[in-house]
């Protein structure tokens, strides 16, 4: 005799009813991430679209194979692997070989996600683990395949070019090694730098250059209440504050706006540090988490070996999420134990 499935599941209050689903949220995030990809084609060329498609396809294929091997339901249609593929492509240079994202995808999906239990159980952000793996194993490609922005709509300019022939320096590299004067000499006046960096016309990773498009996507997610402002704002403010204090030749002479617009701070703040699984849900804990990401980002930028620090800052804060959730527990609605009537 087959036992009937239960018609109702009763759980402890409080109950929250919402029309949103995981799939709807995931695919909305995907749509919010598409404008930076479209812009990257016009800034760095058509090969950024190929790199992104390879990354997304590899993540989806790895997700399906991993779930088959681990005898779990195949859930590639929920959009989570597509987001990982997009984010992985967005944080690698636009001049890397096409096969490189495949290796990062396997590390991100199979190792960082499914070997740790699958969606909802991973400790670290999978896309950032994929990038960290690529930086460790292919440091030359991941630190030198930067492209000069295209300004004449010749989107096939870099197709087939070797990275040695087209490499350029990123703003963070120039700032770290040569200072603000060299940055102005290379990219123009401060006014030009602010406007170009905000719009996206600067060297950098595929999806991190346009502060404007990332802000629009992030603000839409806040409007839809898929994320809250606490982590993005605390990340951005702490990066600006600590850069202002320690980032100049003397104390309190750093340039906070330049620090926010020059690297991957905005992409990390809105689309990576806010990952549901690897970041805390309590508002106070989110503020501390974001401030920690910002402080570590500035520390790595100023004292570390790499010009950028957002990736490793988020990865270093991810394991603290369970502790932050324990320190800042949500308000108890039920009466204290022993006082129940």
Protein backbone atom coordinates (compact mmCIF):
# COMPACT_ATOMS: atom_id res chain seq x y z
CA UNK A 1 0.00 0.00 0.00
CA UNK A 2 1.39 3.38 -1.02
CA UNK A 3 1.15 6.02 1.68
CA UNK A 4 -0.60 9.21 0.55
CA UNK A 5 1.57 12.34 0.40
CA UNK A 6 0.64 14.97 3.04
CA UNK A 7 -1.64 17.73 1.78
CA UNK A 8 -0.49 20.34 4.29
CA UNK A 9 2.82 21.04 5.97
CA UNK A 10 2.47 22.77 9.36
CA UNK A 11 5.49 24.64 10.72
CA UNK A 12 6.19 26.95 13.64
CA UNK A 13 5.07 30.61 13.27
CA UNK A 14 5.66 33.33 12.15
CA UNK A 15 4.52 32.53 8.60
CA UNK A 16 5.33 34.75 5.64
CA UNK A 17 3.43 34.33 2.38
CA UNK A 18 5.14 35.53 -0.78
CA UNK A 19 4.39 35.12 -4.49
CA UNK A 20 8.13 35.09 -5.25
CA UNK A 21 9.97 31.88 -6.07
CA UNK A 22 13.64 30.98 -6.24
CA UNK A 23 13.41 30.64 -10.02
CA UNK A 24 11.76 34.04 -10.43
CA UNK A 25 14.39 35.75 -8.27
CA UNK A 26 17.28 34.02 -10.05
CA UNK A 27 16.08 34.91 -13.54
CA UNK A 28 15.40 38.49 -12.48
CA UNK A 29 19.02 38.75 -11.32
CA UNK A 30 20.10 37.35 -14.70
CA UNK A 31 18.15 40.09 -16.51
CA UNK A 32 19.70 42.76 -14.26
CA UNK A 33 23.15 41.45 -15.17
CA UNK A 34 22.66 41.59 -18.94
CA UNK A 35 23.17 45.36 -19.60
CA UNK A 36 26.84 45.30 -18.44
CA UNK A 37 27.43 42.35 -20.81
CA UNK A 38 25.95 44.22 -23.76
CA UNK A 39 28.09 47.26 -22.98
CA UNK A 40 31.21 45.10 -22.68
CA UNK A 41 30.81 44.02 -26.32
CA UNK A 42 31.11 47.67 -27.40
CA UNK A 43 33.92 48.43 -24.94
CA UNK A 44 36.14 45.34 -25.29
CA UNK A 45 34.82 43.59 -28.38
CA UNK A 46 32.73 40.62 -29.48
CA UNK A 47 34.96 38.06 -27.75
CA UNK A 48 33.53 39.09 -24.35
CA UNK A 49 30.19 37.65 -25.47
CA UNK A 50 31.90 34.39 -26.47
CA UNK A 51 33.76 34.19 -23.14
CA UNK A 52 30.51 34.78 -21.25
CA UNK A 53 28.58 32.19 -23.26
CA UNK A 54 31.36 29.65 -22.68
CA UNK A 55 31.30 30.42 -18.96
CA UNK A 56 27.50 30.15 -18.67
CA UNK A 57 27.33 27.01 -20.81
CA UNK A 58 30.12 25.37 -18.81
CA UNK A 59 28.44 26.18 -15.50
CA UNK A 60 25.08 24.81 -16.65
CA UNK A 61 26.67 21.63 -18.06
CA UNK A 62 28.76 21.14 -14.91
CA UNK A 63 25.64 21.63 -12.79
CA UNK A 64 23.74 18.94 -14.69
CA UNK A 65 26.63 16.46 -14.67
CA UNK A 66 27.37 17.09 -10.98
CA UNK A 67 23.77 16.51 -9.97
CA UNK A 68 23.62 13.33 -12.06
CA UNK A 69 26.86 12.01 -10.52
CA UNK A 70 25.71 12.85 -7.00
CA UNK A 71 22.23 11.38 -7.67
CA UNK A 72 20.41 14.62 -6.99
CA UNK A 73 17.51 16.18 -8.93
CA UNK A 74 18.75 18.16 -11.96
CA UNK A 75 17.75 21.79 -11.35
CA UNK A 76 19.55 23.71 -14.10
CA UNK A 77 16.32 25.53 -14.98
CA UNK A 78 16.31 27.44 -11.68
CA UNK A 79 18.87 29.90 -13.05
CA UNK A 80 21.46 29.63 -10.26
CA UNK A 81 24.12 28.08 -12.53
CA UNK A 82 23.46 30.77 -15.15
CA UNK A 83 24.11 33.47 -12.52
CA UNK A 84 27.35 31.77 -11.47
CA UNK A 85 28.45 31.60 -15.10
CA UNK A 86 27.66 35.25 -15.72
CA UNK A 87 29.41 36.43 -12.56
CA UNK A 88 32.47 34.28 -13.26
CA UNK A 89 32.79 35.80 -16.73
CA UNK A 90 32.24 39.30 -15.35
CA UNK A 91 35.25 39.07 -12.99
CA UNK A 92 37.87 37.83 -15.44
CA UNK A 93 39.82 39.95 -17.95
CA UNK A 94 38.34 40.35 -21.47
CA UNK A 95 41.48 39.04 -23.21
CA UNK A 96 41.70 35.57 -21.67
CA UNK A 97 41.58 32.45 -23.90
CA UNK A 98 38.14 31.00 -24.44
CA UNK A 99 38.92 27.72 -22.63
CA UNK A 100 39.86 29.41 -19.35
CA UNK A 101 36.28 29.94 -18.05
CA UNK A 102 35.59 26.22 -18.50
CA UNK A 103 38.13 25.36 -15.81
CA UNK A 104 36.80 28.07 -13.52
CA UNK A 105 33.24 26.82 -14.03
CA UNK A 106 34.12 23.25 -12.99
CA UNK A 107 35.81 24.55 -9.85
CA UNK A 108 32.91 26.90 -9.07
CA UNK A 109 30.00 24.51 -9.65
CA UNK A 110 31.36 21.04 -8.89
CA UNK A 111 33.83 21.77 -6.09
CA UNK A 112 32.62 24.97 -4.42
CA UNK A 113 28.91 24.27 -4.80
CA UNK A 114 27.99 20.60 -5.13
CA UNK A 115 30.77 18.91 -3.15
CA UNK A 116 29.73 21.17 -0.25
CA UNK A 117 26.09 20.06 -0.46
CA UNK A 118 24.58 21.97 -3.39
CA UNK A 119 22.51 25.14 -3.57
CA UNK A 120 21.87 26.48 -0.09
CA UNK A 121 24.77 24.66 1.59
CA UNK A 122 27.88 26.15 -0.01
CA UNK A 123 30.11 28.19 2.33
CA UNK A 124 31.79 30.34 -0.31
CA UNK A 125 30.46 32.23 -3.30
CA UNK A 126 31.03 29.74 -6.18
CA UNK A 127 31.90 32.33 -8.84
CA UNK A 128 34.54 33.90 -6.60
CA UNK A 129 36.05 30.48 -5.86
CA UNK A 130 36.26 29.94 -9.62
CA UNK A 131 38.08 33.24 -10.07
CA UNK A 132 40.44 32.60 -7.14
CA UNK A 133 41.30 29.21 -8.68
CA UNK A 134 42.06 30.79 -12.06
CA UNK A 135 44.24 33.51 -10.48
CA UNK A 136 46.21 30.84 -8.59
CA UNK A 137 46.66 28.50 -11.57
CA UNK A 138 46.89 30.93 -14.51
CA UNK A 139 48.25 34.16 -12.95
CA UNK A 140 49.69 35.56 -16.19
CA UNK A 141 46.40 35.43 -18.12
CA UNK A 142 44.34 36.60 -15.13
CA UNK A 143 46.56 39.59 -14.35
CA UNK A 144 47.67 40.76 -17.79
CA UNK A 145 44.89 40.10 -20.34
CA UNK A 146 43.44 43.61 -20.01
CA UNK A 147 42.23 45.42 -23.11
CA UNK A 148 42.16 49.09 -24.01
CA UNK A 149 38.52 50.25 -24.47
CA UNK A 150 37.32 50.52 -28.07
CA UNK A 151 36.01 53.93 -29.11
CA UNK A 152 35.27 53.37 -32.81
CA UNK A 153 32.66 50.56 -32.65
CA UNK A 154 35.11 48.04 -34.19
CA UNK A 155 33.85 45.21 -31.99
CA UNK A 156 35.92 42.53 -33.78
CA UNK A 157 39.18 44.41 -33.20
CA UNK A 158 40.54 42.01 -30.58
CA UNK A 159 39.25 38.76 -32.06
CA UNK A 160 42.18 36.36 -32.29
CA UNK A 161 44.67 38.78 -30.73
CA UNK A 162 47.18 37.37 -28.28
CA UNK A 163 47.20 39.03 -24.87
CA UNK A 164 50.84 40.08 -25.28
CA UNK A 165 49.82 42.25 -28.25
CA UNK A 166 46.90 44.08 -26.66
CA UNK A 167 47.53 44.26 -22.89
CA UNK A 168 47.13 47.52 -21.01
CA UNK A 169 47.15 48.58 -17.36
CA UNK A 170 44.01 48.81 -15.25
CA UNK A 171 43.29 51.96 -13.21
CA UNK A 172 43.88 50.08 -9.95
CA UNK A 173 47.30 48.87 -11.18
CA UNK A 174 48.32 52.42 -12.13
CA UNK A 175 47.05 53.79 -8.79
CA UNK A 176 48.82 51.13 -6.74
CA UNK A 177 52.20 51.36 -8.45
CA UNK A 178 52.41 54.93 -9.81
CA UNK A 179 49.82 57.08 -8.00
CA UNK A 180 47.11 59.56 -8.95
CA UNK A 181 49.39 61.72 -11.14
CA UNK A 182 50.15 58.76 -13.41
CA UNK A 183 46.44 57.91 -13.54
CA UNK A 184 45.61 61.43 -14.74
CA UNK A 185 48.41 61.28 -17.31
CA UNK A 186 47.05 57.98 -18.72
CA UNK A 187 43.27 58.52 -18.53
CA UNK A 188 42.82 62.32 -18.67
CA UNK A 189 41.61 64.90 -16.15
CA UNK A 190 39.80 63.90 -12.98
CA UNK A 191 36.51 64.99 -14.51
CA UNK A 192 37.09 62.75 -17.53
CA UNK A 193 38.15 59.89 -15.28
CA UNK A 194 35.03 60.14 -13.13
CA UNK A 195 32.66 60.25 -16.12
CA UNK A 196 34.43 57.51 -18.13
CA UNK A 197 34.77 55.20 -15.13
CA UNK A 198 31.11 55.73 -14.13
CA UNK A 199 29.89 54.98 -17.66
CA UNK A 200 32.28 52.07 -18.15
CA UNK A 201 34.96 53.25 -20.62
CA UNK A 202 38.01 51.99 -18.76
CA UNK A 203 40.17 48.82 -18.69
CA UNK A 204 38.92 46.17 -16.30
CA UNK A 205 37.09 42.88 -16.02
CA UNK A 206 34.29 42.11 -18.48
CA UNK A 207 31.29 43.07 -16.34
CA UNK A 208 32.66 45.39 -13.68
CA UNK A 209 33.46 48.59 -15.57
CA UNK A 210 30.11 50.40 -15.75
CA UNK A 211 29.11 51.77 -12.36
CA UNK A 212 25.94 53.22 -13.90
CA UNK A 213 24.53 49.91 -15.23
CA UNK A 214 25.51 47.97 -12.12
CA UNK A 215 23.83 50.60 -9.94
CA UNK A 216 20.64 50.44 -12.00
CA UNK A 217 20.52 46.65 -11.75
CA UNK A 218 21.29 46.68 -8.04
CA UNK A 219 18.72 49.36 -7.26
CA UNK A 220 16.06 47.36 -9.11
CA UNK A 221 16.83 44.32 -6.95
CA UNK A 222 16.46 46.51 -3.84
CA UNK A 223 13.19 47.90 -5.21
CA UNK A 224 11.91 44.34 -5.71
CA UNK A 225 13.15 43.52 -2.17
CA UNK A 226 15.26 40.66 -3.49
CA UNK A 227 18.20 42.21 -1.65
CA UNK A 228 18.38 44.94 0.98
CA UNK A 229 20.54 48.07 0.99
CA UNK A 230 22.50 47.09 4.08
CA UNK A 231 25.34 45.06 2.52
CA UNK A 232 25.88 47.17 -0.66
CA UNK A 233 25.82 50.47 1.23
CA UNK A 234 28.12 49.27 4.01
CA UNK A 235 30.58 47.85 1.47
CA UNK A 236 30.69 51.06 -0.58
CA UNK A 237 30.86 53.39 2.45
CA UNK A 238 33.59 51.38 4.17
CA UNK A 239 35.70 51.21 0.99
CA UNK A 240 35.33 54.98 0.64
CA UNK A 241 35.99 55.69 4.32
CA UNK A 242 39.08 53.52 4.71
CA UNK A 243 40.48 54.69 1.37
CA UNK A 244 39.98 58.33 2.45
CA UNK A 245 41.79 57.64 5.74
CA UNK A 246 44.63 55.40 4.58
CA UNK A 247 44.71 55.63 0.77
CA UNK A 248 46.57 58.90 0.30
CA UNK A 249 50.16 59.96 0.82
CA UNK A 250 49.07 61.23 4.26
CA UNK A 251 46.16 60.32 6.51
CA UNK A 252 42.74 61.58 5.34
CA UNK A 253 43.93 62.44 1.82
CA UNK A 254 42.75 59.38 -0.16
CA UNK A 255 40.18 59.61 -2.96
CA UNK A 256 37.08 57.56 -1.98
CA UNK A 257 35.14 58.11 -5.23
CA UNK A 258 38.07 56.93 -7.33
CA UNK A 259 38.41 53.83 -5.15
CA UNK A 260 34.76 52.91 -5.68
CA UNK A 261 34.74 53.50 -9.44
CA UNK A 262 38.15 52.00 -10.31
CA UNK A 263 37.61 48.30 -9.66
CA UNK A 264 34.93 45.75 -8.87
CA UNK A 265 33.49 47.34 -5.71
CA UNK A 266 30.01 48.01 -7.11
CA UNK A 267 29.64 44.61 -8.81
CA UNK A 268 30.83 42.86 -5.66
CA UNK A 269 28.65 44.97 -3.35
CA UNK A 270 25.36 44.47 -5.23
CA UNK A 271 25.68 41.06 -6.90
CA UNK A 272 28.22 38.98 -4.93
CA UNK A 273 28.32 40.06 -1.30
CA UNK A 274 24.50 39.84 -1.22
CA UNK A 275 24.41 36.14 -2.14
CA UNK A 276 21.60 34.62 -0.03
CA UNK A 277 23.57 31.53 0.98
CA UNK A 278 26.95 33.03 1.86
CA UNK A 279 25.88 36.29 3.54
CA UNK A 280 23.87 36.88 6.77
CA UNK A 281 20.14 37.62 6.78
CA UNK A 282 19.99 39.78 9.93
CA UNK A 283 20.23 43.50 9.16
CA UNK A 284 22.85 44.32 11.82
CA UNK A 285 24.90 41.33 10.76
CA UNK A 286 24.64 42.48 7.14
CA UNK A 287 26.07 45.90 8.05
CA UNK A 288 29.01 44.27 9.85
CA UNK A 289 29.51 41.81 6.99
CA UNK A 290 29.56 44.62 4.42
CA UNK A 291 31.89 46.78 6.50
CA UNK A 292 34.24 43.80 6.83
CA UNK A 293 34.24 43.29 3.07
CA UNK A 294 35.04 46.96 2.51
CA UNK A 295 37.82 47.07 5.12
CA UNK A 296 39.47 43.92 3.78
CA UNK A 297 39.19 45.21 0.21
CA UNK A 298 41.11 48.38 1.11
CA UNK A 299 43.66 46.41 3.15
CA UNK A 300 44.40 44.07 0.23
CA UNK A 301 44.51 46.94 -2.26
CA UNK A 302 46.95 48.98 -0.18
CA UNK A 303 49.13 46.28 1.38
CA UNK A 304 48.50 43.09 -0.62
CA UNK A 305 50.20 41.81 -3.72
CA UNK A 306 47.22 42.38 -6.05
CA UNK A 307 45.76 45.79 -7.00
CA UNK A 308 42.18 44.51 -6.46
CA UNK A 309 40.85 42.95 -3.26
CA UNK A 310 37.06 42.57 -3.60
CA UNK A 311 37.15 38.87 -4.52
CA UNK A 312 39.28 37.75 -1.59
CA UNK A 313 37.56 40.16 0.82
CA UNK A 314 34.16 38.54 0.17
CA UNK A 315 35.64 35.04 0.34
CA UNK A 316 37.27 35.87 3.70
CA UNK A 317 33.96 37.15 5.09
CA UNK A 318 31.82 34.25 3.77
CA UNK A 319 32.85 31.77 6.52
CA UNK A 320 31.89 34.32 9.20
CA UNK A 321 28.26 34.24 8.10
CA UNK A 322 27.18 31.41 10.47
CA UNK A 323 28.86 33.19 13.39
CA UNK A 324 27.19 36.51 12.52
CA UNK A 325 23.83 34.75 12.28
CA UNK A 326 24.43 33.30 15.74
CA UNK A 327 25.53 36.60 17.29
CA UNK A 328 22.58 38.58 15.88
CA UNK A 329 19.60 36.25 16.14
CA UNK A 330 16.19 37.44 14.91
CA UNK A 331 13.65 38.69 17.43
CA UNK A 332 11.84 35.88 19.26
CA UNK A 333 8.07 36.18 18.87
CA UNK A 334 7.19 33.33 21.19
CA UNK A 335 7.34 33.91 24.99
CA UNK A 336 10.56 32.86 26.77
CA UNK A 337 10.94 29.22 27.58
CA UNK A 338 9.15 28.36 30.83
CA UNK A 339 6.60 31.18 30.48
CA UNK A 340 4.38 29.45 27.93
CA UNK A 341 0.73 29.38 28.96
